[in-house]
Amino acid sequence: MRTQEQTESELLDLAAAHFKADRKTLRPEDDIFEKLGIDSLQALELLTRLERHFGVELPDYELQGVSDFRTLAERIFVRL
């Protein structure tokens, strides 16, 4: 069974790979948009990739106000 920490780590790995960012520079508390330099459309692309990877569906209402990796990982983890 996957832990929340593993979920966080996988999320960071996927985000780094998707946006060709240095994984070593990404921290769970980082703002997704600022750290990756992405817009909302790119964030939706990442979200789609994460939903496929983790096999979950994240409703829009659960993502409102989510801006950091840790909170996103928490929302994914509770749906696993």
PDB file of N, CA and C in Angstrom:
ATOM      1  N   MET A   1       0.841  -1.191   0.000  1.00  0.00           N
ATOM      2  CA  MET A   1       0.000   0.000   0.000  1.00  0.00           C
ATOM      3  C   MET A   1       0.880   1.246   0.000  1.00  0.00           C
ATOM      4  N   ARG A   2       0.478   2.212  -0.774  1.00  0.00           N
ATOM      5  CA  ARG A   2       1.223   3.458  -0.930  1.00  0.00           C
ATOM      6  C   ARG A   2       0.969   4.382   0.268  1.00  0.00           C
ATOM      7  N   THR A   3       2.019   5.057   0.739  1.00  0.00           N
ATOM      8  CA  THR A   3       1.878   6.028   1.824  1.00  0.00           C
ATOM      9  C   THR A   3       1.679   7.422   1.235  1.00  0.00           C
ATOM     10  N   GLN A   4       1.301   8.346   2.090  1.00  0.00           N
ATOM     11  CA  GLN A   4       1.137   9.721   1.632  1.00  0.00           C
ATOM     12  C   GLN A   4       2.476  10.298   1.166  1.00  0.00           C
ATOM     13  N   GLU A   5       3.547   9.941   1.848  1.00  0.00           N
ATOM     14  CA  GLU A   5       4.875  10.421   1.462  1.00  0.00           C
ATOM     15  C   GLU A   5       5.271   9.880   0.081  1.00  0.00           C
ATOM     16  N   GLN A   6       4.946   8.636  -0.183  1.00  0.00           N
ATOM     17  CA  GLN A   6       5.235   8.058  -1.499  1.00  0.00           C
ATOM     18  C   GLN A   6       4.413   8.753  -2.585  1.00  0.00           C
ATOM     19  N   THR A   7       3.159   9.044  -2.265  1.00  0.00           N
ATOM     20  CA  THR A   7       2.293   9.753  -3.205  1.00  0.00           C
ATOM     21  C   THR A   7       2.884  11.118  -3.530  1.00  0.00           C
ATOM     22  N   GLU A   8       3.336  11.813  -2.495  1.00  0.00           N
ATOM     23  CA  GLU A   8       3.969  13.128  -2.671  1.00  0.00           C
ATOM     24  C   GLU A   8       5.198  13.019  -3.568  1.00  0.00           C
ATOM     25  N   SER A   9       6.042  12.048  -3.286  1.00  0.00           N
ATOM     26  CA  SER A   9       7.267  11.864  -4.047  1.00  0.00           C
ATOM     27  C   SER A   9       6.972  11.536  -5.509  1.00  0.00           C
ATOM     28  N   GLU A  10       6.010  10.652  -5.738  1.00  0.00           N
ATOM     29  CA  GLU A  10       5.632  10.303  -7.109  1.00  0.00           C
ATOM     30  C   GLU A  10       5.077  11.515  -7.849  1.00  0.00           C
ATOM     31  N   LEU A  11       4.263  12.299  -7.162  1.00  0.00           N
ATOM     32  CA  LEU A  11       3.704  13.505  -7.767  1.00  0.00           C
ATOM     33  C   LEU A  11       4.827  14.451  -8.195  1.00  0.00           C
ATOM     34  N   LEU A  12       5.795  14.658  -7.320  1.00  0.00           N
ATOM     35  CA  LEU A  12       6.925  15.537  -7.639  1.00  0.00           C
ATOM     36  C   LEU A  12       7.741  14.982  -8.803  1.00  0.00           C
ATOM     37  N   ASP A  13       7.951  13.677  -8.821  1.00  0.00           N
ATOM     38  CA  ASP A  13       8.684  13.039  -9.920  1.00  0.00           C
ATOM     39  C   ASP A  13       7.958  13.259 -11.250  1.00  0.00           C
ATOM     40  N   LEU A  14       6.644  13.035 -11.251  1.00  0.00           N
ATOM     41  CA  LEU A  14       5.864  13.202 -12.476  1.00  0.00           C
ATOM     42  C   LEU A  14       5.842  14.649 -12.948  1.00  0.00           C
ATOM     43  N   ALA A  15       5.684  15.574 -12.011  1.00  0.00           N
ATOM     44  CA  ALA A  15       5.666  16.994 -12.367  1.00  0.00           C
ATOM     45  C   ALA A  15       7.004  17.410 -12.968  1.00  0.00           C
ATOM     46  N   ALA A  16       8.086  16.958 -12.352  1.00  0.00           N
ATOM     47  CA  ALA A  16       9.419  17.293 -12.856  1.00  0.00           C
ATOM     48  C   ALA A  16       9.617  16.725 -14.258  1.00  0.00           C
ATOM     49  N   ALA A  17       9.212  15.492 -14.473  1.00  0.00           N
ATOM     50  CA  ALA A  17       9.374  14.862 -15.784  1.00  0.00           C
ATOM     51  C   ALA A  17       8.505  15.552 -16.834  1.00  0.00           C
ATOM     52  N   HIS A  18       7.272  15.844 -16.478  1.00  0.00           N
ATOM     53  CA  HIS A  18       6.331  16.440 -17.429  1.00  0.00           C
ATOM     54  C   HIS A  18       6.792  17.822 -17.892  1.00  0.00           C
ATOM     55  N   PHE A  19       7.325  18.612 -16.952  1.00  0.00           N
ATOM     56  CA  PHE A  19       7.729  19.986 -17.285  1.00  0.00           C
ATOM     57  C   PHE A  19       9.238  20.151 -17.388  1.00  0.00           C
ATOM     58  N   LYS A  20       9.939  19.021 -17.425  1.00  0.00           N
ATOM     59  CA  LYS A  20      11.395  19.034 -17.570  1.00  0.00           C
ATOM     60  C   LYS A  20      12.067  19.954 -16.544  1.00  0.00           C
ATOM     61  N   ALA A  21      11.627  19.798 -15.308  1.00  0.00           N
ATOM     62  CA  ALA A  21      12.191  20.575 -14.206  1.00  0.00           C
ATOM     63  C   ALA A  21      13.170  19.690 -13.438  1.00  0.00           C
ATOM     64  N   ASP A  22      14.069  20.317 -12.710  1.00  0.00           N
ATOM     65  CA  ASP A  22      15.018  19.583 -11.884  1.00  0.00           C
ATOM     66  C   ASP A  22      14.288  19.077 -10.645  1.00  0.00           C
ATOM     67  N   ARG A  23      14.145  17.780 -10.521  1.00  0.00           N
ATOM     68  CA  ARG A  23      13.394  17.192  -9.409  1.00  0.00           C
ATOM     69  C   ARG A  23      13.965  17.598  -8.060  1.00  0.00           C
ATOM     70  N   LYS A  24      15.275  17.783  -7.991  1.00  0.00           N
ATOM     71  CA  LYS A  24      15.924  18.135  -6.723  1.00  0.00           C
ATOM     72  C   LYS A  24      15.484  19.505  -6.206  1.00  0.00           C
ATOM     73  N   THR A  25      14.952  20.342  -7.090  1.00  0.00           N
ATOM     74  CA  THR A  25      14.545  21.681  -6.669  1.00  0.00           C
ATOM     75  C   THR A  25      13.083  21.750  -6.228  1.00  0.00           C
ATOM     76  N   LEU A  26      12.332  20.670  -6.426  1.00  0.00           N
ATOM     77  CA  LEU A  26      10.909  20.674  -6.073  1.00  0.00           C
ATOM     78  C   LEU A  26      10.693  20.176  -4.653  1.00  0.00           C
ATOM     79  N   ARG A  27       9.917  20.933  -3.892  1.00  0.00           N
ATOM     80  CA  ARG A  27       9.585  20.580  -2.510  1.00  0.00           C
ATOM     81  C   ARG A  27       8.064  20.501  -2.370  1.00  0.00           C
ATOM     82  N   PRO A  28       7.571  19.670  -1.465  1.00  0.00           N
ATOM     83  CA  PRO A  28       6.125  19.533  -1.297  1.00  0.00           C
ATOM     84  C   PRO A  28       5.397  20.845  -1.007  1.00  0.00           C
ATOM     85  N   GLU A  29       6.042  21.748  -0.304  1.00  0.00           N
ATOM     86  CA  GLU A  29       5.395  23.010   0.066  1.00  0.00           C
ATOM     87  C   GLU A  29       5.441  24.074  -1.035  1.00  0.00           C
ATOM     88  N   ASP A  30       6.124  23.802  -2.129  1.00  0.00           N
ATOM     89  CA  ASP A  30       6.242  24.765  -3.228  1.00  0.00           C
ATOM     90  C   ASP A  30       4.908  25.005  -3.923  1.00  0.00           C
ATOM     91  N   ASP A  31       4.721  26.238  -4.355  1.00  0.00           N
ATOM     92  CA  ASP A  31       3.572  26.594  -5.173  1.00  0.00           C
ATOM     93  C   ASP A  31       3.775  25.977  -6.565  1.00  0.00           C
ATOM     94  N   ILE A  32       2.812  25.199  -7.016  1.00  0.00           N
ATOM     95  CA  ILE A  32       2.927  24.478  -8.284  1.00  0.00           C
ATOM     96  C   ILE A  32       3.131  25.440  -9.448  1.00  0.00           C
ATOM     97  N   PHE A  33       2.321  26.492  -9.491  1.00  0.00           N
ATOM     98  CA  PHE A  33       2.357  27.424 -10.610  1.00  0.00           C
ATOM     99  C   PHE A  33       3.666  28.218 -10.651  1.00  0.00           C
ATOM    100  N   GLU A  34       4.095  28.701  -9.489  1.00  0.00           N
ATOM    101  CA  GLU A  34       5.323  29.501  -9.435  1.00  0.00           C
ATOM    102  C   GLU A  34       6.556  28.646  -9.699  1.00  0.00           C
ATOM    103  N   LYS A  35       6.617  27.493  -9.047  1.00  0.00           N
ATOM    104  CA  LYS A  35       7.824  26.662  -9.138  1.00  0.00           C
ATOM    105  C   LYS A  35       8.032  26.106 -10.544  1.00  0.00           C
ATOM    106  N   LEU A  36       6.934  25.726 -11.197  1.00  0.00           N
ATOM    107  CA  LEU A  36       7.053  25.150 -12.538  1.00  0.00           C
ATOM    108  C   LEU A  36       6.903  26.197 -13.631  1.00  0.00           C
ATOM    109  N   GLY A  37       6.465  27.405 -13.263  1.00  0.00           N
ATOM    110  CA  GLY A  37       6.262  28.463 -14.254  1.00  0.00           C
ATOM    111  C   GLY A  37       5.168  28.104 -15.251  1.00  0.00           C
ATOM    112  N   ILE A  38       4.055  27.548 -14.745  1.00  0.00           N
ATOM    113  CA  ILE A  38       2.994  27.088 -15.631  1.00  0.00           C
ATOM    114  C   ILE A  38       1.724  27.914 -15.459  1.00  0.00           C
ATOM    115  N   ASP A  39       0.833  27.793 -16.444  1.00  0.00           N
ATOM    116  CA  ASP A  39      -0.465  28.454 -16.375  1.00  0.00           C
ATOM    117  C   ASP A  39      -1.538  27.405 -16.059  1.00  0.00           C
ATOM    118  N   SER A  40      -2.784  27.828 -16.003  1.00  0.00           N
ATOM    119  CA  SER A  40      -3.856  26.920 -15.607  1.00  0.00           C
ATOM    120  C   SER A  40      -4.078  25.796 -16.620  1.00  0.00           C
ATOM    121  N   LEU A  41      -3.872  26.059 -17.898  1.00  0.00           N
ATOM    122  CA  LEU A  41      -4.029  25.013 -18.907  1.00  0.00           C
ATOM    123  C   LEU A  41      -2.961  23.926 -18.728  1.00  0.00           C
ATOM    124  N   GLN A  42      -1.752  24.343 -18.474  1.00  0.00           N
ATOM    125  CA  GLN A  42      -0.676  23.375 -18.231  1.00  0.00           C
ATOM    126  C   GLN A  42      -0.925  22.593 -16.940  1.00  0.00           C
ATOM    127  N   ALA A  43      -1.509  23.259 -15.947  1.00  0.00           N
ATOM    128  CA  ALA A  43      -1.843  22.578 -14.694  1.00  0.00           C
ATOM    129  C   ALA A  43      -2.892  21.499 -14.949  1.00  0.00           C
ATOM    130  N   LEU A  44      -3.848  21.770 -15.832  1.00  0.00           N
ATOM    131  CA  LEU A  44      -4.851  20.767 -16.185  1.00  0.00           C
ATOM    132  C   LEU A  44      -4.221  19.565 -16.888  1.00  0.00           C
ATOM    133  N   GLU A  45      -3.231  19.821 -17.733  1.00  0.00           N
ATOM    134  CA  GLU A  45      -2.507  18.727 -18.381  1.00  0.00           C
ATOM    135  C   GLU A  45      -1.828  17.845 -17.337  1.00  0.00           C
ATOM    136  N   LEU A  46      -1.193  18.489 -16.374  1.00  0.00           N
ATOM    137  CA  LEU A  46      -0.533  17.744 -15.295  1.00  0.00           C
ATOM    138  C   LEU A  46      -1.562  16.962 -14.494  1.00  0.00           C
ATOM    139  N   LEU A  47      -2.669  17.576 -14.198  1.00  0.00           N
ATOM    140  CA  LEU A  47      -3.714  16.911 -13.429  1.00  0.00           C
ATOM    141  C   LEU A  47      -4.213  15.663 -14.155  1.00  0.00           C
ATOM    142  N   THR A  48      -4.420  15.764 -15.444  1.00  0.00           N
ATOM    143  CA  THR A  48      -4.860  14.615 -16.237  1.00  0.00           C
ATOM    144  C   THR A  48      -3.833  13.493 -16.147  1.00  0.00           C
ATOM    145  N   ARG A  49      -2.579  13.851 -16.252  1.00  0.00           N
ATOM    146  CA  ARG A  49      -1.511  12.847 -16.158  1.00  0.00           C
ATOM    147  C   ARG A  49      -1.494  12.191 -14.776  1.00  0.00           C
ATOM    148  N   LEU A  50      -1.678  12.997 -13.741  1.00  0.00           N
ATOM    149  CA  LEU A  50      -1.682  12.463 -12.378  1.00  0.00           C
ATOM    150  C   LEU A  50      -2.880  11.543 -12.147  1.00  0.00           C
ATOM    151  N   GLU A  51      -4.043  11.931 -12.659  1.00  0.00           N
ATOM    152  CA  GLU A  51      -5.229  11.086 -12.511  1.00  0.00           C
ATOM    153  C   GLU A  51      -5.008   9.725 -13.169  1.00  0.00           C
ATOM    154  N   ARG A  52      -4.408   9.737 -14.340  1.00  0.00           N
ATOM    155  CA  ARG A  52      -4.117   8.466 -15.028  1.00  0.00           C
ATOM    156  C   ARG A  52      -3.110   7.630 -14.249  1.00  0.00           C
ATOM    157  N   HIS A  53      -2.049   8.272 -13.811  1.00  0.00           N
ATOM    158  CA  HIS A  53      -0.991   7.565 -13.096  1.00  0.00           C
ATOM    159  C   HIS A  53      -1.513   6.907 -11.819  1.00  0.00           C
ATOM    160  N   PHE A  54      -2.274   7.673 -11.044  1.00  0.00           N
ATOM    161  CA  PHE A  54      -2.746   7.172  -9.759  1.00  0.00           C
ATOM    162  C   PHE A  54      -4.077   6.419  -9.855  1.00  0.00           C
ATOM    163  N   GLY A  55      -4.736   6.492 -11.011  1.00  0.00           N
ATOM    164  CA  GLY A  55      -6.005   5.797 -11.183  1.00  0.00           C
ATOM    165  C   GLY A  55      -7.132   6.393 -10.361  1.00  0.00           C
ATOM    166  N   VAL A  56      -7.137   7.720 -10.246  1.00  0.00           N
ATOM    167  CA  VAL A  56      -8.173   8.416  -9.485  1.00  0.00           C
ATOM    168  C   VAL A  56      -8.801   9.504 -10.349  1.00  0.00           C
ATOM    169  N   GLU A  57      -9.946   9.988  -9.890  1.00  0.00           N
ATOM    170  CA  GLU A  57     -10.570  11.138 -10.525  1.00  0.00           C
ATOM    171  C   GLU A  57     -10.734  12.212  -9.466  1.00  0.00           C
ATOM    172  N   LEU A  58     -10.232  13.394  -9.770  1.00  0.00           N
ATOM    173  CA  LEU A  58     -10.297  14.500  -8.820  1.00  0.00           C
ATOM    174  C   LEU A  58     -11.331  15.521  -9.293  1.00  0.00           C
ATOM    175  N   PRO A  59     -12.444  15.641  -8.576  1.00  0.00           N
ATOM    176  CA  PRO A  59     -13.455  16.619  -8.968  1.00  0.00           C
ATOM    177  C   PRO A  59     -12.928  18.044  -8.831  1.00  0.00           C
ATOM    178  N   ASP A  60     -13.413  18.916  -9.694  1.00  0.00           N
ATOM    179  CA  ASP A  60     -12.969  20.314  -9.681  1.00  0.00           C
ATOM    180  C   ASP A  60     -13.109  20.966  -8.311  1.00  0.00           C
ATOM    181  N   TYR A  61     -14.210  20.683  -7.624  1.00  0.00           N
ATOM    182  CA  TYR A  61     -14.442  21.337  -6.328  1.00  0.00           C
ATOM    183  C   TYR A  61     -13.380  20.972  -5.299  1.00  0.00           C
ATOM    184  N   GLU A  62     -12.743  19.810  -5.446  1.00  0.00           N
ATOM    185  CA  GLU A  62     -11.692  19.420  -4.507  1.00  0.00           C
ATOM    186  C   GLU A  62     -10.369  20.112  -4.807  1.00  0.00           C
ATOM    187  N   LEU A  63     -10.246  20.679  -5.981  1.00  0.00           N
ATOM    188  CA  LEU A  63      -8.984  21.303  -6.375  1.00  0.00           C
ATOM    189  C   LEU A  63      -8.993  22.815  -6.226  1.00  0.00           C
ATOM    190  N   GLN A  64     -10.152  23.388  -5.934  1.00  0.00           N
ATOM    191  CA  GLN A  64     -10.221  24.832  -5.766  1.00  0.00           C
ATOM    192  C   GLN A  64      -9.343  25.246  -4.596  1.00  0.00           C
ATOM    193  N   GLY A  65      -8.483  26.204  -4.847  1.00  0.00           N
ATOM    194  CA  GLY A  65      -7.598  26.702  -3.815  1.00  0.00           C
ATOM    195  C   GLY A  65      -6.336  25.884  -3.602  1.00  0.00           C
ATOM    196  N   VAL A  66      -6.181  24.779  -4.311  1.00  0.00           N
ATOM    197  CA  VAL A  66      -4.978  23.960  -4.173  1.00  0.00           C
ATOM    198  C   VAL A  66      -3.878  24.587  -5.023  1.00  0.00           C
ATOM    199  N   SER A  67      -2.785  24.953  -4.383  1.00  0.00           N
ATOM    200  CA  SER A  67      -1.702  25.571  -5.139  1.00  0.00           C
ATOM    201  C   SER A  67      -0.343  24.933  -4.862  1.00  0.00           C
ATOM    202  N   ASP A  68      -0.252  24.099  -3.811  1.00  0.00           N
ATOM    203  CA  ASP A  68       1.048  23.489  -3.505  1.00  0.00           C
ATOM    204  C   ASP A  68       0.991  21.983  -3.721  1.00  0.00           C
ATOM    205  N   PHE A  69       2.161  21.417  -3.931  1.00  0.00           N
ATOM    206  CA  PHE A  69       2.278  19.990  -4.210  1.00  0.00           C
ATOM    207  C   PHE A  69       1.747  19.125  -3.066  1.00  0.00           C
ATOM    208  N   ARG A  70       2.032  19.515  -1.835  1.00  0.00           N
ATOM    209  CA  ARG A  70       1.620  18.706  -0.682  1.00  0.00           C
ATOM    210  C   ARG A  70       0.099  18.558  -0.616  1.00  0.00           C
ATOM    211  N   THR A  71      -0.608  19.661  -0.776  1.00  0.00           N
ATOM    212  CA  THR A  71      -2.072  19.604  -0.711  1.00  0.00           C
ATOM    213  C   THR A  71      -2.631  18.769  -1.852  1.00  0.00           C
ATOM    214  N   LEU A  72      -2.063  18.912  -3.038  1.00  0.00           N
ATOM    215  CA  LEU A  72      -2.498  18.108  -4.177  1.00  0.00           C
ATOM    216  C   LEU A  72      -2.263  16.625  -3.900  1.00  0.00           C
ATOM    217  N   ALA A  73      -1.111  16.306  -3.329  1.00  0.00           N
ATOM    218  CA  ALA A  73      -0.803  14.910  -2.990  1.00  0.00           C
ATOM    219  C   ALA A  73      -1.792  14.379  -1.954  1.00  0.00           C
ATOM    220  N   GLU A  74      -2.182  15.207  -0.990  1.00  0.00           N
ATOM    221  CA  GLU A  74      -3.158  14.794   0.017  1.00  0.00           C
ATOM    222  C   GLU A  74      -4.502  14.473  -0.633  1.00  0.00           C
ATOM    223  N   ARG A  75      -4.925  15.320  -1.565  1.00  0.00           N
ATOM    224  CA  ARG A  75      -6.204  15.101  -2.251  1.00  0.00           C
ATOM    225  C   ARG A  75      -6.170  13.807  -3.070  1.00  0.00           C
ATOM    226  N   ILE A  76      -5.032  13.524  -3.666  1.00  0.00           N
ATOM    227  CA  ILE A  76      -4.887  12.270  -4.427  1.00  0.00           C
ATOM    228  C   ILE A  76      -4.883  11.079  -3.472  1.00  0.00           C
ATOM    229  N   PHE A  77      -4.113  11.198  -2.397  1.00  0.00           N
ATOM    230  CA  PHE A  77      -3.953  10.084  -1.457  1.00  0.00           C
ATOM    231  C   PHE A  77      -5.275   9.615  -0.880  1.00  0.00           C
ATOM    232  N   VAL A  78      -6.164  10.533  -0.527  1.00  0.00           N
ATOM    233  CA  VAL A  78      -7.443  10.136   0.086  1.00  0.00           C
ATOM    234  C   VAL A  78      -8.338   9.401  -0.901  1.00  0.00           C
ATOM    235  N   ARG A  79      -8.053   9.507  -2.188  1.00  0.00           N
ATOM    236  CA  ARG A  79      -8.863   8.831  -3.203  1.00  0.00           C
ATOM    237  C   ARG A  79      -8.278   7.487  -3.633  1.00  0.00           C
ATOM    238  N   LEU A  80      -7.082   7.156  -3.140  1.00  0.00           N
ATOM    239  CA  LEU A  80      -6.455   5.879  -3.517  1.00  0.00           C
ATOM    240  C   LEU A  80      -7.124   4.707  -2.834  1.00  0.00           C
TER     241      LEU A  80
END
